[in-house]
Amino acid sequence: MKTVAVLPILAAGLASASPIEQLETRQSANCPNIFVFGARETTAPKGFGTAGGLVQQVQSAFPGTQTQAIDYPACGGQASCGGVQYDASAQQGTTAVISAVNSLNQRCPNTQIVMVGYSQGGQIMDNALCGGSGTTLTGTALAAVKAAIFMGDPHNQNGLPYNVGTCKAGGFAARPTGFQCAPYDTKLIQSYCDAADPFCCNGNDSNTHNQYVTKYGSQALTFIKSKVSASGGGAAAGGNQAGAGGAAAGGNQAGAGNTFGGGNQAGAGNTFGGNQQGAGNTFGGNQQGAGNTFGGNPFGGNKQFGGF
């Protein structure tokens, strides 16, 4: 008789849980071991943009990895992306990165986070980790970011300890000389930029800007592998440990390739809409302070350029 009396109470307790509480319970039971945030370049359609090539490599290397494209304008004043000026786009993007990472960390505190940003997408992740645009990630959310990859980041500046590539100058929104990334650990960053790139360096070959996943993708993946654990993390709150595939207690697996918030994948080196700056155009000498961007026209005058 006592057992019969308890059952209605249990049922009533379950029924009284709010939809939000029930959703949070389901989500926490599906926390992956590794989660990748990707951010696209200027004028690329919603999704991962060219960063998608590396995002896919991480998913292949770590089955069960979940991903999310940062939702932000990715614009530099072009009509195709709503006319949002570059500085406003980068500011909104930085805020979006911080919000997305904080949200995931609150839901899945043991999930390891990887960040992959391409061009303006690299700049907004750079801001979120290293400062220069107001608020940064802090606390447990910052600690959850185990690796960060910037490719063609306009914040590039010669001499930064995490630089990879042939560039010995700065991008059109370069960090000031002597800049130090804070609060993030620079040993967890790799930033790729080559000398011929007119956006992250002072070169004159825009095609170079599109080739970082093709040229450095394997190197970046090796770096990511060295920073994350294939079997650690991914536990839902309460100590339920997730296996290598991101399973929470009860065996709920997050399928490889699950994407959230767009998910348009771009292959390595793909460009979009033909908005590419032709070879031979140079933009050297435009230096910006930490985190400062340009009021819509990144290179001065009335010209607008896509793909950066």
C-alpha atoms as a PDB file:
ATOM      1  CA  MET A   1       0.000   0.000   0.000  1.00  0.00           C
ATOM      2  CA  LYS A   2       2.819   2.412   0.769  1.00  0.00           C
ATOM      3  CA  THR A   3       4.364   1.762  -2.606  1.00  0.00           C
ATOM      4  CA  VAL A   4       1.106   2.545  -4.334  1.00  0.00           C
ATOM      5  CA  ALA A   5       0.856   5.779  -2.359  1.00  0.00           C
ATOM      6  CA  VAL A   6       4.332   6.894  -3.394  1.00  0.00           C
ATOM      7  CA  LEU A   7       3.793   6.464  -7.128  1.00  0.00           C
ATOM      8  CA  PRO A   8       1.294   9.319  -7.506  1.00  0.00           C
ATOM      9  CA  ILE A   9       3.666  11.564  -5.565  1.00  0.00           C
ATOM     10  CA  LEU A  10       6.528  10.736  -7.924  1.00  0.00           C
ATOM     11  CA  ALA A  11       4.317  11.274 -10.930  1.00  0.00           C
ATOM     12  CA  ALA A  12       3.138  14.578  -9.538  1.00  0.00           C
ATOM     13  CA  GLY A  13       6.740  15.643  -8.965  1.00  0.00           C
ATOM     14  CA  LEU A  14       7.664  14.902 -12.565  1.00  0.00           C
ATOM     15  CA  ALA A  15       4.586  16.624 -13.866  1.00  0.00           C
ATOM     16  CA  SER A  16       5.350  19.722 -11.800  1.00  0.00           C
ATOM     17  CA  ALA A  17       8.775  20.209 -13.403  1.00  0.00           C
ATOM     18  CA  SER A  18       8.723  23.179 -15.725  1.00  0.00           C
ATOM     19  CA  PRO A  19       9.444  22.708 -19.453  1.00  0.00           C
ATOM     20  CA  ILE A  20      12.691  24.636 -18.959  1.00  0.00           C
ATOM     21  CA  GLU A  21      13.789  22.314 -16.132  1.00  0.00           C
ATOM     22  CA  GLN A  22      12.928  19.260 -18.220  1.00  0.00           C
ATOM     23  CA  LEU A  23      14.884  20.701 -21.173  1.00  0.00           C
ATOM     24  CA  GLU A  24      17.912  21.415 -18.988  1.00  0.00           C
ATOM     25  CA  THR A  25      17.824  17.837 -17.700  1.00  0.00           C
ATOM     26  CA  ARG A  26      17.783  16.445 -21.237  1.00  0.00           C
ATOM     27  CA  GLN A  27      20.563  18.773 -22.358  1.00  0.00           C
ATOM     28  CA  SER A  28      22.835  17.995 -19.415  1.00  0.00           C
ATOM     29  CA  ALA A  29      22.470  14.307 -20.220  1.00  0.00           C
ATOM     30  CA  ASN A  30      23.875  14.954 -23.703  1.00  0.00           C
ATOM     31  CA  CYS A  31      26.960  16.990 -22.921  1.00  0.00           C
ATOM     32  CA  PRO A  32      29.760  16.077 -25.324  1.00  0.00           C
ATOM     33  CA  ASN A  33      33.369  15.574 -24.411  1.00  0.00           C
ATOM     34  CA  ILE A  34      34.431  18.214 -26.956  1.00  0.00           C
ATOM     35  CA  PHE A  35      32.466  21.129 -28.383  1.00  0.00           C
ATOM     36  CA  VAL A  36      33.765  23.324 -31.215  1.00  0.00           C
ATOM     37  CA  PHE A  37      32.657  26.901 -31.790  1.00  0.00           C
ATOM     38  CA  GLY A  38      33.398  28.232 -35.271  1.00  0.00           C
ATOM     39  CA  ALA A  39      33.164  31.794 -36.588  1.00  0.00           C
ATOM     40  CA  ARG A  40      33.060  32.735 -40.261  1.00  0.00           C
ATOM     41  CA  GLU A  41      34.789  35.440 -42.251  1.00  0.00           C
ATOM     42  CA  THR A  42      33.260  38.688 -43.524  1.00  0.00           C
ATOM     43  CA  THR A  43      30.374  38.281 -46.024  1.00  0.00           C
ATOM     44  CA  ALA A  44      30.318  34.483 -45.742  1.00  0.00           C
ATOM     45  CA  PRO A  45      26.773  33.083 -45.418  1.00  0.00           C
ATOM     46  CA  LYS A  46      25.590  32.064 -41.969  1.00  0.00           C
ATOM     47  CA  GLY A  47      27.385  28.979 -40.756  1.00  0.00           C
ATOM     48  CA  PHE A  48      31.070  28.247 -40.301  1.00  0.00           C
ATOM     49  CA  GLY A  49      32.433  29.780 -43.488  1.00  0.00           C
ATOM     50  CA  THR A  50      35.954  28.681 -44.349  1.00  0.00           C
ATOM     51  CA  ALA A  51      36.494  27.688 -40.708  1.00  0.00           C
ATOM     52  CA  GLY A  52      34.166  24.764 -41.426  1.00  0.00           C
ATOM     53  CA  GLY A  53      36.971  22.769 -43.005  1.00  0.00           C
ATOM     54  CA  LEU A  54      38.886  22.624 -39.722  1.00  0.00           C
ATOM     55  CA  VAL A  55      35.716  22.160 -37.672  1.00  0.00           C
ATOM     56  CA  GLN A  56      34.985  19.048 -39.728  1.00  0.00           C
ATOM     57  CA  GLN A  57      38.512  17.746 -39.168  1.00  0.00           C
ATOM     58  CA  VAL A  58      38.039  18.013 -35.407  1.00  0.00           C
ATOM     59  CA  GLN A  59      34.713  16.176 -35.642  1.00  0.00           C
ATOM     60  CA  SER A  60      36.345  13.386 -37.615  1.00  0.00           C
ATOM     61  CA  ALA A  61      39.213  13.110 -35.136  1.00  0.00           C
ATOM     62  CA  PHE A  62      36.898  13.050 -32.108  1.00  0.00           C
ATOM     63  CA  PRO A  63      33.606  11.251 -32.860  1.00  0.00           C
ATOM     64  CA  GLY A  64      30.744  12.659 -30.832  1.00  0.00           C
ATOM     65  CA  THR A  65      32.057  16.204 -30.992  1.00  0.00           C
ATOM     66  CA  GLN A  66      29.301  18.785 -31.231  1.00  0.00           C
ATOM     67  CA  THR A  67      29.634  22.127 -32.976  1.00  0.00           C
ATOM     68  CA  GLN A  68      28.020  25.527 -33.205  1.00  0.00           C
ATOM     69  CA  ALA A  69      28.514  28.416 -35.602  1.00  0.00           C
ATOM     70  CA  ILE A  70      28.678  31.819 -33.933  1.00  0.00           C
ATOM     71  CA  ASP A  71      25.682  33.869 -35.047  1.00  0.00           C
ATOM     72  CA  TYR A  72      26.865  37.393 -35.858  1.00  0.00           C
ATOM     73  CA  PRO A  73      26.696  39.784 -38.843  1.00  0.00           C
ATOM     74  CA  ALA A  74      30.162  38.970 -40.285  1.00  0.00           C
ATOM     75  CA  CYS A  75      29.900  42.198 -42.225  1.00  0.00           C
ATOM     76  CA  GLY A  76      32.036  45.105 -43.340  1.00  0.00           C
ATOM     77  CA  GLY A  77      29.390  47.476 -44.663  1.00  0.00           C
ATOM     78  CA  GLN A  78      28.323  45.345 -47.642  1.00  0.00           C
ATOM     79  CA  ALA A  79      24.667  45.219 -48.653  1.00  0.00           C
ATOM     80  CA  SER A  80      24.872  41.414 -48.862  1.00  0.00           C
ATOM     81  CA  CYS A  81      25.267  41.175 -45.074  1.00  0.00           C
ATOM     82  CA  GLY A  82      22.852  43.916 -44.129  1.00  0.00           C
ATOM     83  CA  GLY A  83      25.186  46.895 -44.342  1.00  0.00           C
ATOM     84  CA  VAL A  84      26.441  46.445 -40.779  1.00  0.00           C
ATOM     85  CA  GLN A  85      29.711  48.334 -40.407  1.00  0.00           C
ATOM     86  CA  TYR A  86      32.840  46.351 -39.606  1.00  0.00           C
ATOM     87  CA  ASP A  87      33.410  47.670 -36.100  1.00  0.00           C
ATOM     88  CA  ALA A  88      29.780  47.073 -35.121  1.00  0.00           C
ATOM     89  CA  SER A  89      29.901  43.576 -36.603  1.00  0.00           C
ATOM     90  CA  ALA A  90      33.075  42.699 -34.689  1.00  0.00           C
ATOM     91  CA  GLN A  91      31.606  44.065 -31.462  1.00  0.00           C
ATOM     92  CA  GLN A  92      28.415  42.055 -31.894  1.00  0.00           C
ATOM     93  CA  GLY A  93      30.475  39.002 -32.766  1.00  0.00           C
ATOM     94  CA  THR A  94      32.616  39.300 -29.651  1.00  0.00           C
ATOM     95  CA  THR A  95      29.492  39.519 -27.507  1.00  0.00           C
ATOM     96  CA  ALA A  96      28.027  36.500 -29.309  1.00  0.00           C
ATOM     97  CA  VAL A  97      31.163  34.420 -28.665  1.00  0.00           C
ATOM     98  CA  ILE A  98      31.146  35.216 -24.953  1.00  0.00           C
ATOM     99  CA  SER A  99      27.429  34.491 -24.656  1.00  0.00           C
ATOM    100  CA  ALA A 100      27.656  31.172 -26.514  1.00  0.00           C
ATOM    101  CA  VAL A 101      30.641  29.896 -24.528  1.00  0.00           C
ATOM    102  CA  ASN A 102      29.160  30.953 -21.186  1.00  0.00           C
ATOM    103  CA  SER A 103      25.863  29.275 -22.036  1.00  0.00           C
ATOM    104  CA  LEU A 104      27.511  25.986 -22.966  1.00  0.00           C
ATOM    105  CA  ASN A 105      29.766  26.021 -19.912  1.00  0.00           C
ATOM    106  CA  GLN A 106      26.812  26.574 -17.593  1.00  0.00           C
ATOM    107  CA  ARG A 107      24.984  23.642 -19.155  1.00  0.00           C
ATOM    108  CA  CYS A 108      28.003  21.364 -19.609  1.00  0.00           C
ATOM    109  CA  PRO A 109      30.698  22.446 -17.130  1.00  0.00           C
ATOM    110  CA  ASN A 110      33.055  19.570 -17.945  1.00  0.00           C
ATOM    111  CA  THR A 111      32.894  19.819 -21.729  1.00  0.00           C
ATOM    112  CA  GLN A 112      36.166  20.819 -23.384  1.00  0.00           C
ATOM    113  CA  ILE A 113      35.765  23.750 -25.760  1.00  0.00           C
ATOM    114  CA  VAL A 114      37.716  24.418 -28.953  1.00  0.00           C
ATOM    115  CA  MET A 115      37.401  27.738 -30.782  1.00  0.00           C
ATOM    116  CA  VAL A 116      38.094  28.166 -34.509  1.00  0.00           C
ATOM    117  CA  GLY A 117      37.798  31.621 -36.055  1.00  0.00           C
ATOM    118  CA  TYR A 118      38.518  32.691 -39.621  1.00  0.00           C
ATOM    119  CA  SER A 119      39.426  36.292 -40.485  1.00  0.00           C
ATOM    120  CA  GLN A 120      36.844  38.543 -38.769  1.00  0.00           C
ATOM    121  CA  GLY A 121      35.720  35.346 -37.043  1.00  0.00           C
ATOM    122  CA  GLY A 122      39.244  34.989 -35.670  1.00  0.00           C
ATOM    123  CA  GLN A 123      39.209  38.598 -34.525  1.00  0.00           C
ATOM    124  CA  ILE A 124      36.042  38.188 -32.455  1.00  0.00           C
ATOM    125  CA  MET A 125      37.426  35.084 -30.758  1.00  0.00           C
ATOM    126  CA  ASP A 126      40.713  36.908 -30.229  1.00  0.00           C
ATOM    127  CA  ASN A 127      38.747  39.683 -28.492  1.00  0.00           C
ATOM    128  CA  ALA A 128      36.831  37.230 -26.306  1.00  0.00           C
ATOM    129  CA  LEU A 129      40.018  35.554 -25.090  1.00  0.00           C
ATOM    130  CA  CYS A 130      42.664  38.273 -25.202  1.00  0.00           C
ATOM    131  CA  GLY A 131      40.741  41.499 -24.640  1.00  0.00           C
ATOM    132  CA  GLY A 132      40.607  44.714 -26.584  1.00  0.00           C
ATOM    133  CA  SER A 133      36.860  44.968 -27.090  1.00  0.00           C
ATOM    134  CA  GLY A 134      35.493  45.307 -23.586  1.00  0.00           C
ATOM    135  CA  THR A 135      34.314  42.165 -21.821  1.00  0.00           C
ATOM    136  CA  THR A 136      36.216  38.877 -22.117  1.00  0.00           C
ATOM    137  CA  LEU A 137      35.538  35.330 -21.062  1.00  0.00           C
ATOM    138  CA  THR A 138      36.372  34.687 -17.419  1.00  0.00           C
ATOM    139  CA  GLY A 139      36.265  31.994 -14.752  1.00  0.00           C
ATOM    140  CA  THR A 140      35.183  28.459 -15.541  1.00  0.00           C
ATOM    141  CA  ALA A 141      34.065  29.349 -19.069  1.00  0.00           C
ATOM    142  CA  LEU A 142      37.526  30.680 -19.921  1.00  0.00           C
ATOM    143  CA  ALA A 143      39.157  27.629 -18.335  1.00  0.00           C
ATOM    144  CA  ALA A 144      36.951  25.331 -20.420  1.00  0.00           C
ATOM    145  CA  VAL A 145      38.476  26.660 -23.658  1.00  0.00           C
ATOM    146  CA  LYS A 146      41.287  24.180 -24.220  1.00  0.00           C
ATOM    147  CA  ALA A 147      42.464  25.387 -27.635  1.00  0.00           C
ATOM    148  CA  ALA A 148      41.904  28.403 -29.878  1.00  0.00           C
ATOM    149  CA  ILE A 149      42.757  28.665 -33.571  1.00  0.00           C
ATOM    150  CA  PHE A 150      42.756  32.001 -35.388  1.00  0.00           C
ATOM    151  CA  MET A 151      43.253  31.989 -39.160  1.00  0.00           C
ATOM    152  CA  GLY A 152      43.835  35.232 -41.053  1.00  0.00           C
ATOM    153  CA  ASP A 153      43.038  37.287 -37.942  1.00  0.00           C
ATOM    154  CA  PRO A 154      43.205  41.050 -38.721  1.00  0.00           C
ATOM    155  CA  HIS A 155      44.409  41.560 -35.120  1.00  0.00           C
ATOM    156  CA  ASN A 156      47.640  39.788 -36.066  1.00  0.00           C
ATOM    157  CA  GLN A 157      50.790  41.583 -34.938  1.00  0.00           C
ATOM    158  CA  ASN A 158      54.382  40.548 -35.465  1.00  0.00           C
ATOM    159  CA  GLY A 159      56.078  38.986 -32.460  1.00  0.00           C
ATOM    160  CA  LEU A 160      53.081  37.518 -30.638  1.00  0.00           C
ATOM    161  CA  PRO A 161      54.066  34.200 -29.021  1.00  0.00           C
ATOM    162  CA  TYR A 162      51.290  32.213 -30.681  1.00  0.00           C
ATOM    163  CA  ASN A 163      51.918  33.347 -34.275  1.00  0.00           C
ATOM    164  CA  VAL A 164      52.366  30.718 -36.990  1.00  0.00           C
ATOM    165  CA  GLY A 165      53.247  31.495 -40.601  1.00  0.00           C
ATOM    166  CA  THR A 166      55.476  33.829 -42.566  1.00  0.00           C
ATOM    167  CA  CYS A 167      53.967  37.231 -41.722  1.00  0.00           C
ATOM    168  CA  LYS A 168      56.361  39.656 -40.019  1.00  0.00           C
ATOM    169  CA  ALA A 169      54.011  42.640 -39.969  1.00  0.00           C
ATOM    170  CA  GLY A 170      50.497  43.384 -38.726  1.00  0.00           C
ATOM    171  CA  GLY A 171      46.975  43.125 -40.077  1.00  0.00           C
ATOM    172  CA  PHE A 172      44.660  46.011 -40.892  1.00  0.00           C
ATOM    173  CA  ALA A 173      43.396  45.925 -37.280  1.00  0.00           C
ATOM    174  CA  ALA A 174      46.725  44.941 -35.745  1.00  0.00           C
ATOM    175  CA  ARG A 175      47.304  44.780 -32.029  1.00  0.00           C
ATOM    176  CA  PRO A 176      49.651  47.518 -30.819  1.00  0.00           C
ATOM    177  CA  THR A 177      53.343  46.766 -30.521  1.00  0.00           C
ATOM    178  CA  GLY A 178      54.029  45.054 -27.216  1.00  0.00           C
ATOM    179  CA  PHE A 179      50.467  43.764 -26.844  1.00  0.00           C
ATOM    180  CA  GLN A 180      50.007  40.910 -24.372  1.00  0.00           C
ATOM    181  CA  CYS A 181      47.001  38.616 -24.510  1.00  0.00           C
ATOM    182  CA  ALA A 182      44.992  38.515 -21.287  1.00  0.00           C
ATOM    183  CA  PRO A 183      43.326  36.788 -19.545  1.00  0.00           C
ATOM    184  CA  TYR A 184      43.775  33.674 -21.733  1.00  0.00           C
ATOM    185  CA  ASP A 185      46.802  31.368 -21.665  1.00  0.00           C
ATOM    186  CA  THR A 186      48.728  32.054 -24.875  1.00  0.00           C
ATOM    187  CA  LYS A 187      50.112  28.506 -24.919  1.00  0.00           C
ATOM    188  CA  LEU A 188      46.619  27.409 -25.964  1.00  0.00           C
ATOM    189  CA  ILE A 189      46.480  29.635 -29.073  1.00  0.00           C
ATOM    190  CA  GLN A 190      47.788  29.298 -32.596  1.00  0.00           C
ATOM    191  CA  SER A 191      47.251  32.197 -35.007  1.00  0.00           C
ATOM    192  CA  TYR A 192      48.010  31.561 -38.681  1.00  0.00           C
ATOM    193  CA  CYS A 193      49.007  34.334 -41.080  1.00  0.00           C
ATOM    194  CA  ASP A 194      51.312  34.464 -44.104  1.00  0.00           C
ATOM    195  CA  ALA A 195      53.182  37.457 -45.514  1.00  0.00           C
ATOM    196  CA  ALA A 196      51.254  37.632 -48.796  1.00  0.00           C
ATOM    197  CA  ASP A 197      47.915  38.070 -46.991  1.00  0.00           C
ATOM    198  CA  PRO A 198      46.566  41.650 -47.312  1.00  0.00           C
ATOM    199  CA  PHE A 199      44.164  41.291 -44.373  1.00  0.00           C
ATOM    200  CA  CYS A 200      46.132  39.769 -41.495  1.00  0.00           C
ATOM    201  CA  CYS A 201      49.462  41.011 -42.880  1.00  0.00           C
ATOM    202  CA  ASN A 202      50.556  43.621 -45.436  1.00  0.00           C
ATOM    203  CA  GLY A 203      50.774  41.497 -48.575  1.00  0.00           C
ATOM    204  CA  ASN A 204      48.935  41.789 -51.881  1.00  0.00           C
ATOM    205  CA  ASP A 205      47.576  38.306 -52.632  1.00  0.00           C
ATOM    206  CA  SER A 206      44.031  37.903 -51.345  1.00  0.00           C
ATOM    207  CA  ASN A 207      43.987  34.232 -52.358  1.00  0.00           C
ATOM    208  CA  THR A 208      46.517  33.568 -49.601  1.00  0.00           C
ATOM    209  CA  HIS A 209      43.859  34.646 -47.125  1.00  0.00           C
ATOM    210  CA  ASN A 210      41.605  31.779 -48.178  1.00  0.00           C
ATOM    211  CA  GLN A 211      44.145  28.967 -47.929  1.00  0.00           C
ATOM    212  CA  TYR A 212      44.890  28.551 -44.225  1.00  0.00           C
ATOM    213  CA  VAL A 213      42.758  25.450 -43.654  1.00  0.00           C
ATOM    214  CA  THR A 214      44.254  23.845 -46.754  1.00  0.00           C
ATOM    215  CA  LYS A 215      47.817  24.779 -45.832  1.00  0.00           C
ATOM    216  CA  TYR A 216      47.761  24.576 -42.045  1.00  0.00           C
ATOM    217  CA  GLY A 217      44.700  22.478 -41.206  1.00  0.00           C
ATOM    218  CA  SER A 218      46.669  19.346 -40.304  1.00  0.00           C
ATOM    219  CA  GLN A 219      49.055  21.359 -38.143  1.00  0.00           C
ATOM    220  CA  ALA A 220      46.158  23.058 -36.377  1.00  0.00           C
ATOM    221  CA  LEU A 221      44.453  19.720 -35.758  1.00  0.00           C
ATOM    222  CA  THR A 222      47.654  18.299 -34.262  1.00  0.00           C
ATOM    223  CA  PHE A 223      47.806  21.307 -31.946  1.00  0.00           C
ATOM    224  CA  ILE A 224      44.181  20.807 -30.888  1.00  0.00           C
ATOM    225  CA  LYS A 225      44.814  17.112 -30.233  1.00  0.00           C
ATOM    226  CA  SER A 226      47.680  18.053 -27.930  1.00  0.00           C
ATOM    227  CA  LYS A 227      45.409  20.279 -25.828  1.00  0.00           C
ATOM    228  CA  VAL A 228      42.244  18.212 -25.375  1.00  0.00           C
ATOM    229  CA  SER A 229      41.621  14.833 -23.808  1.00  0.00           C
ATOM    230  CA  ALA A 230      39.961  12.211 -25.979  1.00  0.00           C
ATOM    231  CA  SER A 231      38.164  10.678 -23.005  1.00  0.00           C
ATOM    232  CA  GLY A 232      38.038  13.324 -20.288  1.00  0.00           C
ATOM    233  CA  GLY A 233      35.407  15.987 -19.717  1.00  0.00           C
ATOM    234  CA  GLY A 234      31.950  15.891 -21.210  1.00  0.00           C
ATOM    235  CA  ALA A 235      30.308  15.061 -17.909  1.00  0.00           C
ATOM    236  CA  ALA A 236      26.909  16.399 -17.089  1.00  0.00           C
ATOM    237  CA  ALA A 237      26.567  18.261 -13.810  1.00  0.00           C
ATOM    238  CA  GLY A 238      26.587  15.854 -10.918  1.00  0.00           C
ATOM    239  CA  GLY A 239      29.656  13.902 -11.924  1.00  0.00           C
ATOM    240  CA  ASN A 240      28.321  11.640 -14.661  1.00  0.00           C
ATOM    241  CA  GLN A 241      31.360  11.057 -16.809  1.00  0.00           C
ATOM    242  CA  ALA A 242      31.169  11.058 -20.576  1.00  0.00           C
ATOM    243  CA  GLY A 243      33.171   8.671 -22.680  1.00  0.00           C
ATOM    244  CA  ALA A 244      35.286   9.599 -25.667  1.00  0.00           C
ATOM    245  CA  GLY A 245      32.219  10.018 -27.820  1.00  0.00           C
ATOM    246  CA  GLY A 246      30.652  12.514 -25.453  1.00  0.00           C
ATOM    247  CA  ALA A 247      28.176  10.102 -23.861  1.00  0.00           C
ATOM    248  CA  ALA A 248      26.632  11.074 -20.575  1.00  0.00           C
ATOM    249  CA  ALA A 249      25.399   8.576 -18.017  1.00  0.00           C
ATOM    250  CA  GLY A 250      22.829   6.342 -19.605  1.00  0.00           C
ATOM    251  CA  GLY A 251      24.718   6.047 -22.870  1.00  0.00           C
ATOM    252  CA  ASN A 252      23.289   9.045 -24.678  1.00  0.00           C
ATOM    253  CA  GLN A 253      25.691   9.685 -27.506  1.00  0.00           C
ATOM    254  CA  ALA A 254      26.005  12.950 -29.353  1.00  0.00           C
ATOM    255  CA  GLY A 255      26.392  11.980 -32.968  1.00  0.00           C
ATOM    256  CA  ALA A 256      29.416  13.206 -34.841  1.00  0.00           C
ATOM    257  CA  GLY A 257      28.638  16.174 -36.977  1.00  0.00           C
ATOM    258  CA  ASN A 258      25.763  17.563 -34.944  1.00  0.00           C
ATOM    259  CA  THR A 259      25.618  21.278 -35.575  1.00  0.00           C
ATOM    260  CA  PHE A 260      23.688  24.086 -33.977  1.00  0.00           C
ATOM    261  CA  GLY A 261      22.815  27.569 -35.123  1.00  0.00           C
ATOM    262  CA  GLY A 262      23.246  27.444 -38.847  1.00  0.00           C
ATOM    263  CA  GLY A 263      25.716  24.714 -39.561  1.00  0.00           C
ATOM    264  CA  ASN A 264      26.464  25.714 -43.142  1.00  0.00           C
ATOM    265  CA  GLN A 265      29.756  24.020 -43.754  1.00  0.00           C
ATOM    266  CA  ALA A 266      32.380  25.363 -46.075  1.00  0.00           C
ATOM    267  CA  GLY A 267      35.190  23.227 -47.406  1.00  0.00           C
ATOM    268  CA  ALA A 268      38.763  24.207 -46.819  1.00  0.00           C
ATOM    269  CA  GLY A 269      39.610  27.337 -48.721  1.00  0.00           C
ATOM    270  CA  ASN A 270      36.122  27.933 -50.073  1.00  0.00           C
ATOM    271  CA  THR A 271      35.109  31.519 -50.651  1.00  0.00           C
ATOM    272  CA  PHE A 272      31.649  32.984 -50.865  1.00  0.00           C
ATOM    273  CA  GLY A 273      29.791  35.230 -53.237  1.00  0.00           C
ATOM    274  CA  GLY A 274      32.903  36.243 -55.093  1.00  0.00           C
ATOM    275  CA  ASN A 275      33.602  39.009 -52.631  1.00  0.00           C
ATOM    276  CA  GLN A 276      37.318  38.688 -52.837  1.00  0.00           C
ATOM    277  CA  GLN A 277      39.892  41.424 -53.098  1.00  0.00           C
ATOM    278  CA  GLY A 278      41.948  41.038 -56.237  1.00  0.00           C
ATOM    279  CA  ALA A 279      45.665  40.384 -56.109  1.00  0.00           C
ATOM    280  CA  GLY A 280      47.842  43.423 -56.264  1.00  0.00           C
ATOM    281  CA  ASN A 281      45.828  45.572 -53.869  1.00  0.00           C
ATOM    282  CA  THR A 282      47.813  46.445 -50.818  1.00  0.00           C
ATOM    283  CA  PHE A 283      46.626  47.715 -47.500  1.00  0.00           C
ATOM    284  CA  GLY A 284      49.837  48.071 -45.552  1.00  0.00           C
ATOM    285  CA  GLY A 285      50.248  50.534 -42.763  1.00  0.00           C
ATOM    286  CA  ASN A 286      46.744  50.617 -41.321  1.00  0.00           C
ATOM    287  CA  GLN A 287      47.453  50.013 -37.675  1.00  0.00           C
ATOM    288  CA  GLN A 288      44.831  49.915 -34.967  1.00  0.00           C
ATOM    289  CA  GLY A 289      45.028  49.784 -31.197  1.00  0.00           C
ATOM    290  CA  ALA A 290      44.015  46.717 -29.244  1.00  0.00           C
ATOM    291  CA  GLY A 291      40.573  45.665 -30.300  1.00  0.00           C
ATOM    292  CA  ASN A 292      39.890  48.802 -32.315  1.00  0.00           C
ATOM    293  CA  THR A 293      38.231  48.171 -35.626  1.00  0.00           C
ATOM    294  CA  PHE A 294      37.291  50.424 -38.481  1.00  0.00           C
ATOM    295  CA  GLY A 295      34.093  52.366 -38.945  1.00  0.00           C
ATOM    296  CA  GLY A 296      32.746  50.172 -41.685  1.00  0.00           C
ATOM    297  CA  ASN A 297      35.354  50.721 -44.402  1.00  0.00           C
ATOM    298  CA  PRO A 298      38.324  48.695 -43.169  1.00  0.00           C
ATOM    299  CA  PHE A 299      40.728  50.129 -45.698  1.00  0.00           C
ATOM    300  CA  GLY A 300      39.597  53.730 -45.884  1.00  0.00           C
ATOM    301  CA  GLY A 301      37.742  55.509 -48.653  1.00  0.00           C
ATOM    302  CA  ASN A 302      34.469  54.167 -49.959  1.00  0.00           C
ATOM    303  CA  LYS A 303      35.622  50.695 -50.900  1.00  0.00           C
ATOM    304  CA  GLN A 304      34.207  47.576 -49.327  1.00  0.00           C
ATOM    305  CA  PHE A 305      35.800  44.168 -49.418  1.00  0.00           C
ATOM    306  CA  GLY A 306      34.452  40.710 -48.721  1.00  0.00           C
ATOM    307  CA  GLY A 307      36.145  37.622 -47.426  1.00  0.00           C
ATOM    308  CA  PHE A 308      38.226  39.193 -44.669  1.00  0.00           C
END
